[in-house]
Amino acid sequence: MIGLAILFATDWIWPGILVLVGVTSLLGAFLGHTEPDDDDIPLRVDKPLEDKPGPQARYAAQCASCGAATPRELIEGSPTESNAVCGFCGSPLAQEQ
């Protein structure tokens, strides 16, 4: 605000506003530069703490209702899908033991 008042008082608005923005940016960068504390650095987690996978559900190769093929990842075992449905007819797929 003081810089704007000086610019209006000296009638040096146009090139002066560019100088004012530059000086303000440099002062802000110089005065605001600090080293990060240990609390400021985020914790990075690459893999979960527990390495043991959950139970894998395996499904039949074909849907019992319409005979459509089951996706390969469901046949080989999927730890995330516990109640998979057929992509064509929507009926639940039978799990293999």
PDB file of N, CA and C in Angstrom:
ATOM      1  N   MET A   1       0.822  -1.182   0.000  1.00  0.00           N
ATOM      2  CA  MET A   1       0.000   0.000   0.000  1.00  0.00           C
ATOM      3  C   MET A   1       0.874   1.255   0.000  1.00  0.00           C
ATOM      4  N   ILE A   2       1.982   1.190   0.727  1.00  0.00           N
ATOM      5  CA  ILE A   2       2.875   2.349   0.764  1.00  0.00           C
ATOM      6  C   ILE A   2       3.481   2.575  -0.612  1.00  0.00           C
ATOM      7  N   GLY A   3       3.831   1.486  -1.280  1.00  0.00           N
ATOM      8  CA  GLY A   3       4.385   1.609  -2.626  1.00  0.00           C
ATOM      9  C   GLY A   3       3.403   2.227  -3.595  1.00  0.00           C
ATOM     10  N   LEU A   4       2.122   1.866  -3.502  1.00  0.00           N
ATOM     11  CA  LEU A   4       1.110   2.474  -4.365  1.00  0.00           C
ATOM     12  C   LEU A   4       0.943   3.958  -4.050  1.00  0.00           C
ATOM     13  N   ALA A   5       1.005   4.308  -2.795  1.00  0.00           N
ATOM     14  CA  ALA A   5       0.895   5.717  -2.419  1.00  0.00           C
ATOM     15  C   ALA A   5       2.061   6.519  -2.998  1.00  0.00           C
ATOM     16  N   ILE A   6       3.265   5.948  -2.965  1.00  0.00           N
ATOM     17  CA  ILE A   6       4.432   6.634  -3.535  1.00  0.00           C
ATOM     18  C   ILE A   6       4.272   6.776  -5.038  1.00  0.00           C
ATOM     19  N   LEU A   7       3.748   5.741  -5.701  1.00  0.00           N
ATOM     20  CA  LEU A   7       3.552   5.815  -7.161  1.00  0.00           C
ATOM     21  C   LEU A   7       2.539   6.893  -7.535  1.00  0.00           C
ATOM     22  N   PHE A   8       1.452   6.987  -6.795  1.00  0.00           N
ATOM     23  CA  PHE A   8       0.456   8.018  -7.091  1.00  0.00           C
ATOM     24  C   PHE A   8       0.990   9.417  -6.781  1.00  0.00           C
ATOM     25  N   ALA A   9       1.795   9.536  -5.728  1.00  0.00           N
ATOM     26  CA  ALA A   9       2.323  10.855  -5.353  1.00  0.00           C
ATOM     27  C   ALA A   9       3.340  11.362  -6.367  1.00  0.00           C
ATOM     28  N   THR A  10       4.131  10.449  -6.941  1.00  0.00           N
ATOM     29  CA  THR A  10       5.154  10.860  -7.907  1.00  0.00           C
ATOM     30  C   THR A  10       4.652  10.818  -9.341  1.00  0.00           C
ATOM     31  N   ASP A  11       3.409  10.354  -9.555  1.00  0.00           N
ATOM     32  CA  ASP A  11       2.796  10.247 -10.881  1.00  0.00           C
ATOM     33  C   ASP A  11       3.650   9.373 -11.819  1.00  0.00           C
ATOM     34  N   TRP A  12       4.142   8.265 -11.259  1.00  0.00           N
ATOM     35  CA  TRP A  12       4.976   7.326 -12.019  1.00  0.00           C
ATOM     36  C   TRP A  12       4.283   5.959 -12.004  1.00  0.00           C
ATOM     37  N   ILE A  13       2.995   5.948 -12.431  1.00  0.00           N
ATOM     38  CA  ILE A  13       2.134   4.775 -12.290  1.00  0.00           C
ATOM     39  C   ILE A  13       2.587   3.627 -13.200  1.00  0.00           C
ATOM     40  N   TRP A  14       2.671   3.891 -14.527  1.00  0.00           N
ATOM     41  CA  TRP A  14       2.856   2.763 -15.437  1.00  0.00           C
ATOM     42  C   TRP A  14       4.159   2.000 -15.251  1.00  0.00           C
ATOM     43  N   PRO A  15       5.305   2.547 -15.433  1.00  0.00           N
ATOM     44  CA  PRO A  15       6.452   1.650 -15.234  1.00  0.00           C
ATOM     45  C   PRO A  15       6.691   1.350 -13.759  1.00  0.00           C
ATOM     46  N   GLY A  16       6.208   2.230 -12.890  1.00  0.00           N
ATOM     47  CA  GLY A  16       6.434   2.047 -11.464  1.00  0.00           C
ATOM     48  C   GLY A  16       5.705   0.839 -10.904  1.00  0.00           C
ATOM     49  N   ILE A  17       4.518   0.504 -11.449  1.00  0.00           N
ATOM     50  CA  ILE A  17       3.767  -0.655 -10.943  1.00  0.00           C
ATOM     51  C   ILE A  17       4.538  -1.942 -11.207  1.00  0.00           C
ATOM     52  N   LEU A  18       5.239  -2.017 -12.340  1.00  0.00           N
ATOM     53  CA  LEU A  18       6.050  -3.203 -12.639  1.00  0.00           C
ATOM     54  C   LEU A  18       7.224  -3.327 -11.674  1.00  0.00           C
ATOM     55  N   VAL A  19       7.854  -2.208 -11.380  1.00  0.00           N
ATOM     56  CA  VAL A  19       8.962  -2.212 -10.424  1.00  0.00           C
ATOM     57  C   VAL A  19       8.448  -2.595  -9.042  1.00  0.00           C
ATOM     58  N   LEU A  20       7.283  -2.073  -8.661  1.00  0.00           N
ATOM     59  CA  LEU A  20       6.708  -2.379  -7.350  1.00  0.00           C
ATOM     60  C   LEU A  20       6.377  -3.864  -7.208  1.00  0.00           C
ATOM     61  N   VAL A  21       5.818  -4.463  -8.252  1.00  0.00           N
ATOM     62  CA  VAL A  21       5.496  -5.894  -8.209  1.00  0.00           C
ATOM     63  C   VAL A  21       6.778  -6.724  -8.113  1.00  0.00           C
ATOM     64  N   GLY A  22       7.800  -6.351  -8.861  1.00  0.00           N
ATOM     65  CA  GLY A  22       9.064  -7.077  -8.812  1.00  0.00           C
ATOM     66  C   GLY A  22       9.738  -6.986  -7.456  1.00  0.00           C
ATOM     67  N   VAL A  23       9.777  -5.778  -6.887  1.00  0.00           N
ATOM     68  CA  VAL A  23      10.410  -5.597  -5.576  1.00  0.00           C
ATOM     69  C   VAL A  23       9.627  -6.345  -4.510  1.00  0.00           C
ATOM     70  N   THR A  24       8.301  -6.292  -4.570  1.00  0.00           N
ATOM     71  CA  THR A  24       7.474  -7.000  -3.596  1.00  0.00           C
ATOM     72  C   THR A  24       7.702  -8.509  -3.681  1.00  0.00           C
ATOM     73  N   SER A  25       7.789  -9.040  -4.888  1.00  0.00           N
ATOM     74  CA  SER A  25       8.026 -10.480  -5.068  1.00  0.00           C
ATOM     75  C   SER A  25       9.391 -10.891  -4.533  1.00  0.00           C
ATOM     76  N   LEU A  26      10.412 -10.097  -4.826  1.00  0.00           N
ATOM     77  CA  LEU A  26      11.752 -10.425  -4.346  1.00  0.00           C
ATOM     78  C   LEU A  26      11.836 -10.352  -2.825  1.00  0.00           C
ATOM     79  N   LEU A  27      11.237  -9.325  -2.224  1.00  0.00           N
ATOM     80  CA  LEU A  27      11.241  -9.223  -0.764  1.00  0.00           C
ATOM     81  C   LEU A  27      10.472 -10.371  -0.121  1.00  0.00           C
ATOM     82  N   GLY A  28       9.351 -10.743  -0.717  1.00  0.00           N
ATOM     83  CA  GLY A  28       8.580 -11.863  -0.175  1.00  0.00           C
ATOM     84  C   GLY A  28       9.340 -13.169  -0.256  1.00  0.00           C
ATOM     85  N   ALA A  29      10.045 -13.383  -1.351  1.00  0.00           N
ATOM     86  CA  ALA A  29      10.828 -14.613  -1.504  1.00  0.00           C
ATOM     87  C   ALA A  29      12.022 -14.616  -0.559  1.00  0.00           C
ATOM     88  N   PHE A  30      12.663 -13.450  -0.373  1.00  0.00           N
ATOM     89  CA  PHE A  30      13.840 -13.379   0.488  1.00  0.00           C
ATOM     90  C   PHE A  30      13.469 -13.500   1.958  1.00  0.00           C
ATOM     91  N   LEU A  31      12.445 -12.813   2.377  1.00  0.00           N
ATOM     92  CA  LEU A  31      12.060 -12.817   3.784  1.00  0.00           C
ATOM     93  C   LEU A  31      11.275 -14.062   4.177  1.00  0.00           C
ATOM     94  N   GLY A  32      10.597 -14.677   3.235  1.00  0.00           N
ATOM     95  CA  GLY A  32       9.773 -15.840   3.547  1.00  0.00           C
ATOM     96  C   GLY A  32      10.487 -17.165   3.397  1.00  0.00           C
ATOM     97  N   HIS A  33      11.746 -17.164   2.975  1.00  0.00           N
ATOM     98  CA  HIS A  33      12.482 -18.412   2.752  1.00  0.00           C
ATOM     99  C   HIS A  33      12.978 -18.973   4.078  1.00  0.00           C
ATOM    100  N   THR A  34      12.486 -20.136   4.432  1.00  0.00           N
ATOM    101  CA  THR A  34      12.934 -20.819   5.649  1.00  0.00           C
ATOM    102  C   THR A  34      13.185 -22.281   5.318  1.00  0.00           C
ATOM    103  N   GLU A  35      13.974 -22.927   6.125  1.00  0.00           N
ATOM    104  CA  GLU A  35      14.216 -24.353   5.973  1.00  0.00           C
ATOM    105  C   GLU A  35      13.019 -25.123   6.529  1.00  0.00           C
ATOM    106  N   PRO A  36      12.591 -26.192   5.870  1.00  0.00           N
ATOM    107  CA  PRO A  36      11.453 -26.941   6.375  1.00  0.00           C
ATOM    108  C   PRO A  36      11.796 -27.692   7.661  1.00  0.00           C
ATOM    109  N   ASP A  37      10.855 -27.718   8.570  1.00  0.00           N
ATOM    110  CA  ASP A  37      11.015 -28.497   9.795  1.00  0.00           C
ATOM    111  C   ASP A  37      10.714 -29.955   9.489  1.00  0.00           C
ATOM    112  N   ASP A  38      11.021 -30.827  10.422  1.00  0.00           N
ATOM    113  CA  ASP A  38      10.712 -32.246  10.251  1.00  0.00           C
ATOM    114  C   ASP A  38       9.208 -32.470  10.176  1.00  0.00           C
ATOM    115  N   ASP A  39       8.441 -31.603  10.826  1.00  0.00           N
ATOM    116  CA  ASP A  39       6.987 -31.745  10.793  1.00  0.00           C
ATOM    117  C   ASP A  39       6.398 -31.313   9.460  1.00  0.00           C
ATOM    118  N   ASP A  40       7.123 -30.486   8.692  1.00  0.00           N
ATOM    119  CA  ASP A  40       6.615 -29.991   7.417  1.00  0.00           C
ATOM    120  C   ASP A  40       6.794 -30.993   6.286  1.00  0.00           C
ATOM    121  N   ILE A  41       7.700 -31.947   6.433  1.00  0.00           N
ATOM    122  CA  ILE A  41       7.966 -32.913   5.380  1.00  0.00           C
ATOM    123  C   ILE A  41       6.927 -34.023   5.472  1.00  0.00           C
ATOM    124  N   PRO A  42       6.174 -34.265   4.386  1.00  0.00           N
ATOM    125  CA  PRO A  42       5.131 -35.300   4.459  1.00  0.00           C
ATOM    126  C   PRO A  42       5.723 -36.704   4.517  1.00  0.00           C
ATOM    127  N   LEU A  43       5.010 -37.589   5.161  1.00  0.00           N
ATOM    128  CA  LEU A  43       5.416 -38.982   5.257  1.00  0.00           C
ATOM    129  C   LEU A  43       5.029 -39.690   3.970  1.00  0.00           C
ATOM    130  N   ARG A  44       5.968 -40.393   3.371  1.00  0.00           N
ATOM    131  CA  ARG A  44       5.702 -41.113   2.134  1.00  0.00           C
ATOM    132  C   ARG A  44       5.626 -42.600   2.438  1.00  0.00           C
ATOM    133  N   VAL A  45       4.545 -43.214   2.022  1.00  0.00           N
ATOM    134  CA  VAL A  45       4.351 -44.642   2.243  1.00  0.00           C
ATOM    135  C   VAL A  45       4.259 -45.305   0.879  1.00  0.00           C
ATOM    136  N   ASP A  46       5.238 -46.161   0.564  1.00  0.00           N
ATOM    137  CA  ASP A  46       5.257 -46.814  -0.737  1.00  0.00           C
ATOM    138  C   ASP A  46       4.447 -48.100  -0.771  1.00  0.00           C
ATOM    139  N   LYS A  47       4.418 -48.827   0.316  1.00  0.00           N
ATOM    140  CA  LYS A  47       3.657 -50.065   0.339  1.00  0.00           C
ATOM    141  C   LYS A  47       3.001 -50.206   1.706  1.00  0.00           C
ATOM    142  N   PRO A  48       1.944 -50.964   1.789  1.00  0.00           N
ATOM    143  CA  PRO A  48       1.252 -51.092   3.064  1.00  0.00           C
ATOM    144  C   PRO A  48       2.132 -51.777   4.111  1.00  0.00           C
ATOM    145  N   LEU A  49       1.799 -51.546   5.361  1.00  0.00           N
ATOM    146  CA  LEU A  49       2.581 -52.126   6.451  1.00  0.00           C
ATOM    147  C   LEU A  49       2.446 -53.641   6.497  1.00  0.00           C
ATOM    148  N   GLU A  50       1.271 -54.144   6.193  1.00  0.00           N
ATOM    149  CA  GLU A  50       1.054 -55.588   6.203  1.00  0.00           C
ATOM    150  C   GLU A  50       1.291 -56.140   4.806  1.00  0.00           C
ATOM    151  N   ASP A  51       2.191 -57.107   4.697  1.00  0.00           N
ATOM    152  CA  ASP A  51       2.506 -57.685   3.401  1.00  0.00           C
ATOM    153  C   ASP A  51       1.665 -58.909   3.078  1.00  0.00           C
ATOM    154  N   LYS A  52       0.915 -59.405   4.039  1.00  0.00           N
ATOM    155  CA  LYS A  52       0.142 -60.610   3.768  1.00  0.00           C
ATOM    156  C   LYS A  52      -1.133 -60.246   2.995  1.00  0.00           C
ATOM    157  N   PRO A  53      -1.339 -60.896   1.850  1.00  0.00           N
ATOM    158  CA  PRO A  53      -2.530 -60.599   1.055  1.00  0.00           C
ATOM    159  C   PRO A  53      -3.773 -61.195   1.699  1.00  0.00           C
ATOM    160  N   GLY A  54      -4.903 -60.613   1.359  1.00  0.00           N
ATOM    161  CA  GLY A  54      -6.163 -61.125   1.860  1.00  0.00           C
ATOM    162  C   GLY A  54      -6.546 -62.409   1.147  1.00  0.00           C
ATOM    163  N   PRO A  55      -7.631 -63.025   1.536  1.00  0.00           N
ATOM    164  CA  PRO A  55      -8.050 -64.261   0.876  1.00  0.00           C
ATOM    165  C   PRO A  55      -8.413 -63.992  -0.585  1.00  0.00           C
ATOM    166  N   GLN A  56      -7.967 -64.878  -1.449  1.00  0.00           N
ATOM    167  CA  GLN A  56      -8.237 -64.711  -2.866  1.00  0.00           C
ATOM    168  C   GLN A  56      -9.464 -65.520  -3.250  1.00  0.00           C
ATOM    169  N   ALA A  57     -10.342 -64.871  -3.979  1.00  0.00           N
ATOM    170  CA  ALA A  57     -11.533 -65.549  -4.485  1.00  0.00           C
ATOM    171  C   ALA A  57     -11.271 -65.978  -5.923  1.00  0.00           C
ATOM    172  N   ARG A  58     -11.571 -67.231  -6.219  1.00  0.00           N
ATOM    173  CA  ARG A  58     -11.418 -67.757  -7.583  1.00  0.00           C
ATOM    174  C   ARG A  58     -12.792 -68.116  -8.101  1.00  0.00           C
ATOM    175  N   TYR A  59     -13.041 -67.801  -9.351  1.00  0.00           N
ATOM    176  CA  TYR A  59     -14.349 -68.002  -9.949  1.00  0.00           C
ATOM    177  C   TYR A  59     -14.277 -68.996 -11.101  1.00  0.00           C
ATOM    178  N   ALA A  60     -15.435 -69.536 -11.437  1.00  0.00           N
ATOM    179  CA  ALA A  60     -15.527 -70.498 -12.549  1.00  0.00           C
ATOM    180  C   ALA A  60     -15.178 -69.799 -13.859  1.00  0.00           C
ATOM    181  N   ALA A  61     -14.773 -70.594 -14.862  1.00  0.00           N
ATOM    182  CA  ALA A  61     -14.350 -70.031 -16.138  1.00  0.00           C
ATOM    183  C   ALA A  61     -15.516 -69.470 -16.939  1.00  0.00           C
ATOM    184  N   GLN A  62     -16.733 -69.937 -16.659  1.00  0.00           N
ATOM    185  CA  GLN A  62     -17.909 -69.466 -17.383  1.00  0.00           C
ATOM    186  C   GLN A  62     -19.026 -69.152 -16.397  1.00  0.00           C
ATOM    187  N   CYS A  63     -19.886 -68.225 -16.803  1.00  0.00           N
ATOM    188  CA  CYS A  63     -21.064 -67.890 -16.004  1.00  0.00           C
ATOM    189  C   CYS A  63     -22.033 -69.068 -16.050  1.00  0.00           C
ATOM    190  N   ALA A  64     -22.589 -69.445 -14.901  1.00  0.00           N
ATOM    191  CA  ALA A  64     -23.519 -70.571 -14.846  1.00  0.00           C
ATOM    192  C   ALA A  64     -24.854 -70.229 -15.509  1.00  0.00           C
ATOM    193  N   SER A  65     -25.220 -68.964 -15.578  1.00  0.00           N
ATOM    194  CA  SER A  65     -26.513 -68.580 -16.146  1.00  0.00           C
ATOM    195  C   SER A  65     -26.482 -68.439 -17.664  1.00  0.00           C
ATOM    196  N   CYS A  66     -25.490 -67.676 -18.181  1.00  0.00           N
ATOM    197  CA  CYS A  66     -25.489 -67.399 -19.624  1.00  0.00           C
ATOM    198  C   CYS A  66     -24.333 -68.037 -20.369  1.00  0.00           C
ATOM    199  N   GLY A  67     -23.328 -68.547 -19.668  1.00  0.00           N
ATOM    200  CA  GLY A  67     -22.200 -69.207 -20.313  1.00  0.00           C
ATOM    201  C   GLY A  67     -21.124 -68.251 -20.807  1.00  0.00           C
ATOM    202  N   ALA A  68     -21.205 -66.980 -20.444  1.00  0.00           N
ATOM    203  CA  ALA A  68     -20.195 -66.010 -20.866  1.00  0.00           C
ATOM    204  C   ALA A  68     -18.874 -66.295 -20.149  1.00  0.00           C
ATOM    205  N   ALA A  69     -17.787 -65.968 -20.812  1.00  0.00           N
ATOM    206  CA  ALA A  69     -16.458 -66.206 -20.238  1.00  0.00           C
ATOM    207  C   ALA A  69     -16.190 -65.236 -19.094  1.00  0.00           C
ATOM    208  N   THR A  70     -15.574 -65.742 -18.037  1.00  0.00           N
ATOM    209  CA  THR A  70     -15.194 -64.929 -16.890  1.00  0.00           C
ATOM    210  C   THR A  70     -13.834 -64.296 -17.169  1.00  0.00           C
ATOM    211  N   PRO A  71     -13.620 -63.038 -16.809  1.00  0.00           N
ATOM    212  CA  PRO A  71     -12.306 -62.418 -17.025  1.00  0.00           C
ATOM    213  C   PRO A  71     -11.193 -63.200 -16.335  1.00  0.00           C
ATOM    214  N   ARG A  72     -10.016 -63.214 -16.959  1.00  0.00           N
ATOM    215  CA  ARG A  72      -8.888 -64.005 -16.497  1.00  0.00           C
ATOM    216  C   ARG A  72      -8.475 -63.655 -15.072  1.00  0.00           C
ATOM    217  N   GLU A  73      -8.499 -62.371 -14.698  1.00  0.00           N
ATOM    218  CA  GLU A  73      -8.059 -62.005 -13.352  1.00  0.00           C
ATOM    219  C   GLU A  73      -8.986 -62.567 -12.274  1.00  0.00           C
ATOM    220  N   LEU A  74     -10.248 -62.835 -12.613  1.00  0.00           N
ATOM    221  CA  LEU A  74     -11.153 -63.452 -11.642  1.00  0.00           C
ATOM    222  C   LEU A  74     -10.948 -64.964 -11.565  1.00  0.00           C
ATOM    223  N   ILE A  75     -10.527 -65.567 -12.677  1.00  0.00           N
ATOM    224  CA  ILE A  75     -10.276 -67.012 -12.686  1.00  0.00           C
ATOM    225  C   ILE A  75      -8.997 -67.319 -11.907  1.00  0.00           C
ATOM    226  N   GLU A  76      -7.951 -66.495 -12.087  1.00  0.00           N
ATOM    227  CA  GLU A  76      -6.653 -66.741 -11.450  1.00  0.00           C
ATOM    228  C   GLU A  76      -6.664 -66.395  -9.970  1.00  0.00           C
ATOM    229  N   GLY A  77      -7.601 -65.605  -9.545  1.00  0.00           N
ATOM    230  CA  GLY A  77      -7.694 -65.233  -8.134  1.00  0.00           C
ATOM    231  C   GLY A  77      -7.585 -63.739  -7.937  1.00  0.00           C
ATOM    232  N   SER A  78      -8.563 -63.171  -7.313  1.00  0.00           N
ATOM    233  CA  SER A  78      -8.594 -61.742  -7.091  1.00  0.00           C
ATOM    234  C   SER A  78      -8.835 -61.468  -5.613  1.00  0.00           C
ATOM    235  N   PRO A  79      -7.923 -60.769  -4.934  1.00  0.00           N
ATOM    236  CA  PRO A  79      -8.120 -60.502  -3.509  1.00  0.00           C
ATOM    237  C   PRO A  79      -9.168 -59.427  -3.242  1.00  0.00           C
ATOM    238  N   THR A  80      -9.530 -58.633  -4.262  1.00  0.00           N
ATOM    239  CA  THR A  80     -10.445 -57.518  -4.017  1.00  0.00           C
ATOM    240  C   THR A  80     -11.889 -57.867  -4.306  1.00  0.00           C
ATOM    241  N   GLU A  81     -12.129 -58.760  -5.214  1.00  0.00           N
ATOM    242  CA  GLU A  81     -13.495 -59.098  -5.596  1.00  0.00           C
ATOM    243  C   GLU A  81     -13.996 -60.265  -4.755  1.00  0.00           C
ATOM    244  N   SER A  82     -15.001 -60.041  -3.934  1.00  0.00           N
ATOM    245  CA  SER A  82     -15.555 -61.150  -3.165  1.00  0.00           C
ATOM    246  C   SER A  82     -16.936 -61.540  -3.670  1.00  0.00           C
ATOM    247  N   ASN A  83     -17.614 -60.637  -4.341  1.00  0.00           N
ATOM    248  CA  ASN A  83     -18.942 -60.911  -4.901  1.00  0.00           C
ATOM    249  C   ASN A  83     -18.984 -60.404  -6.332  1.00  0.00           C
ATOM    250  N   ALA A  84     -18.338 -61.115  -7.244  1.00  0.00           N
ATOM    251  CA  ALA A  84     -18.292 -60.694  -8.635  1.00  0.00           C
ATOM    252  C   ALA A  84     -19.565 -61.107  -9.350  1.00  0.00           C
ATOM    253  N   VAL A  85     -19.961 -60.297 -10.340  1.00  0.00           N
ATOM    254  CA  VAL A  85     -21.141 -60.602 -11.147  1.00  0.00           C
ATOM    255  C   VAL A  85     -20.725 -60.697 -12.606  1.00  0.00           C
ATOM    256  N   CYS A  86     -21.540 -61.382 -13.381  1.00  0.00           N
ATOM    257  CA  CYS A  86     -21.292 -61.549 -14.810  1.00  0.00           C
ATOM    258  C   CYS A  86     -21.451 -60.198 -15.506  1.00  0.00           C
ATOM    259  N   GLY A  87     -20.548 -59.894 -16.423  1.00  0.00           N
ATOM    260  CA  GLY A  87     -20.611 -58.644 -17.160  1.00  0.00           C
ATOM    261  C   GLY A  87     -21.715 -58.607 -18.196  1.00  0.00           C
ATOM    262  N   PHE A  88     -22.260 -59.747 -18.562  1.00  0.00           N
ATOM    263  CA  PHE A  88     -23.292 -59.809 -19.583  1.00  0.00           C
ATOM    264  C   PHE A  88     -24.693 -59.886 -18.996  1.00  0.00           C
ATOM    265  N   CYS A  89     -24.917 -60.822 -18.075  1.00  0.00           N
ATOM    266  CA  CYS A  89     -26.283 -61.008 -17.577  1.00  0.00           C
ATOM    267  C   CYS A  89     -26.477 -60.436 -16.176  1.00  0.00           C
ATOM    268  N   GLY A  90     -25.396 -60.146 -15.449  1.00  0.00           N
ATOM    269  CA  GLY A  90     -25.499 -59.546 -14.121  1.00  0.00           C
ATOM    270  C   GLY A  90     -25.736 -60.532 -12.993  1.00  0.00           C
ATOM    271  N   SER A  91     -25.739 -61.823 -13.290  1.00  0.00           N
ATOM    272  CA  SER A  91     -25.950 -62.808 -12.220  1.00  0.00           C
ATOM    273  C   SER A  91     -24.629 -63.038 -11.473  1.00  0.00           C
ATOM    274  N   PRO A  92     -24.694 -63.410 -10.191  1.00  0.00           N
ATOM    275  CA  PRO A  92     -23.461 -63.639  -9.432  1.00  0.00           C
ATOM    276  C   PRO A  92     -22.672 -64.829  -9.992  1.00  0.00           C
ATOM    277  N   LEU A  93     -21.345 -64.685 -10.017  1.00  0.00           N
ATOM    278  CA  LEU A  93     -20.481 -65.768 -10.488  1.00  0.00           C
ATOM    279  C   LEU A  93     -20.226 -66.749  -9.364  1.00  0.00           C
ATOM    280  N   ALA A  94     -20.156 -68.018  -9.714  1.00  0.00           N
ATOM    281  CA  ALA A  94     -19.925 -69.073  -8.730  1.00  0.00           C
ATOM    282  C   ALA A  94     -18.434 -69.134  -8.398  1.00  0.00           C
ATOM    283  N   GLN A  95     -18.120 -69.174  -7.094  1.00  0.00           N
ATOM    284  CA  GLN A  95     -16.742 -69.279  -6.662  1.00  0.00           C
ATOM    285  C   GLN A  95     -16.305 -70.748  -6.631  1.00  0.00           C
ATOM    286  N   GLU A  96     -15.050 -70.982  -7.048  1.00  0.00           N
ATOM    287  CA  GLU A  96     -14.483 -72.331  -6.971  1.00  0.00           C
ATOM    288  C   GLU A  96     -13.815 -72.494  -5.623  1.00  0.00           C
ATOM    289  N   GLN A  97     -13.774 -73.690  -5.140  1.00  0.00           N
ATOM    290  CA  GLN A  97     -13.162 -73.964  -3.846  1.00  0.00           C
ATOM    291  C   GLN A  97     -11.725 -74.315  -3.986  1.00  0.00           C
TER     292      GLN A  97
END
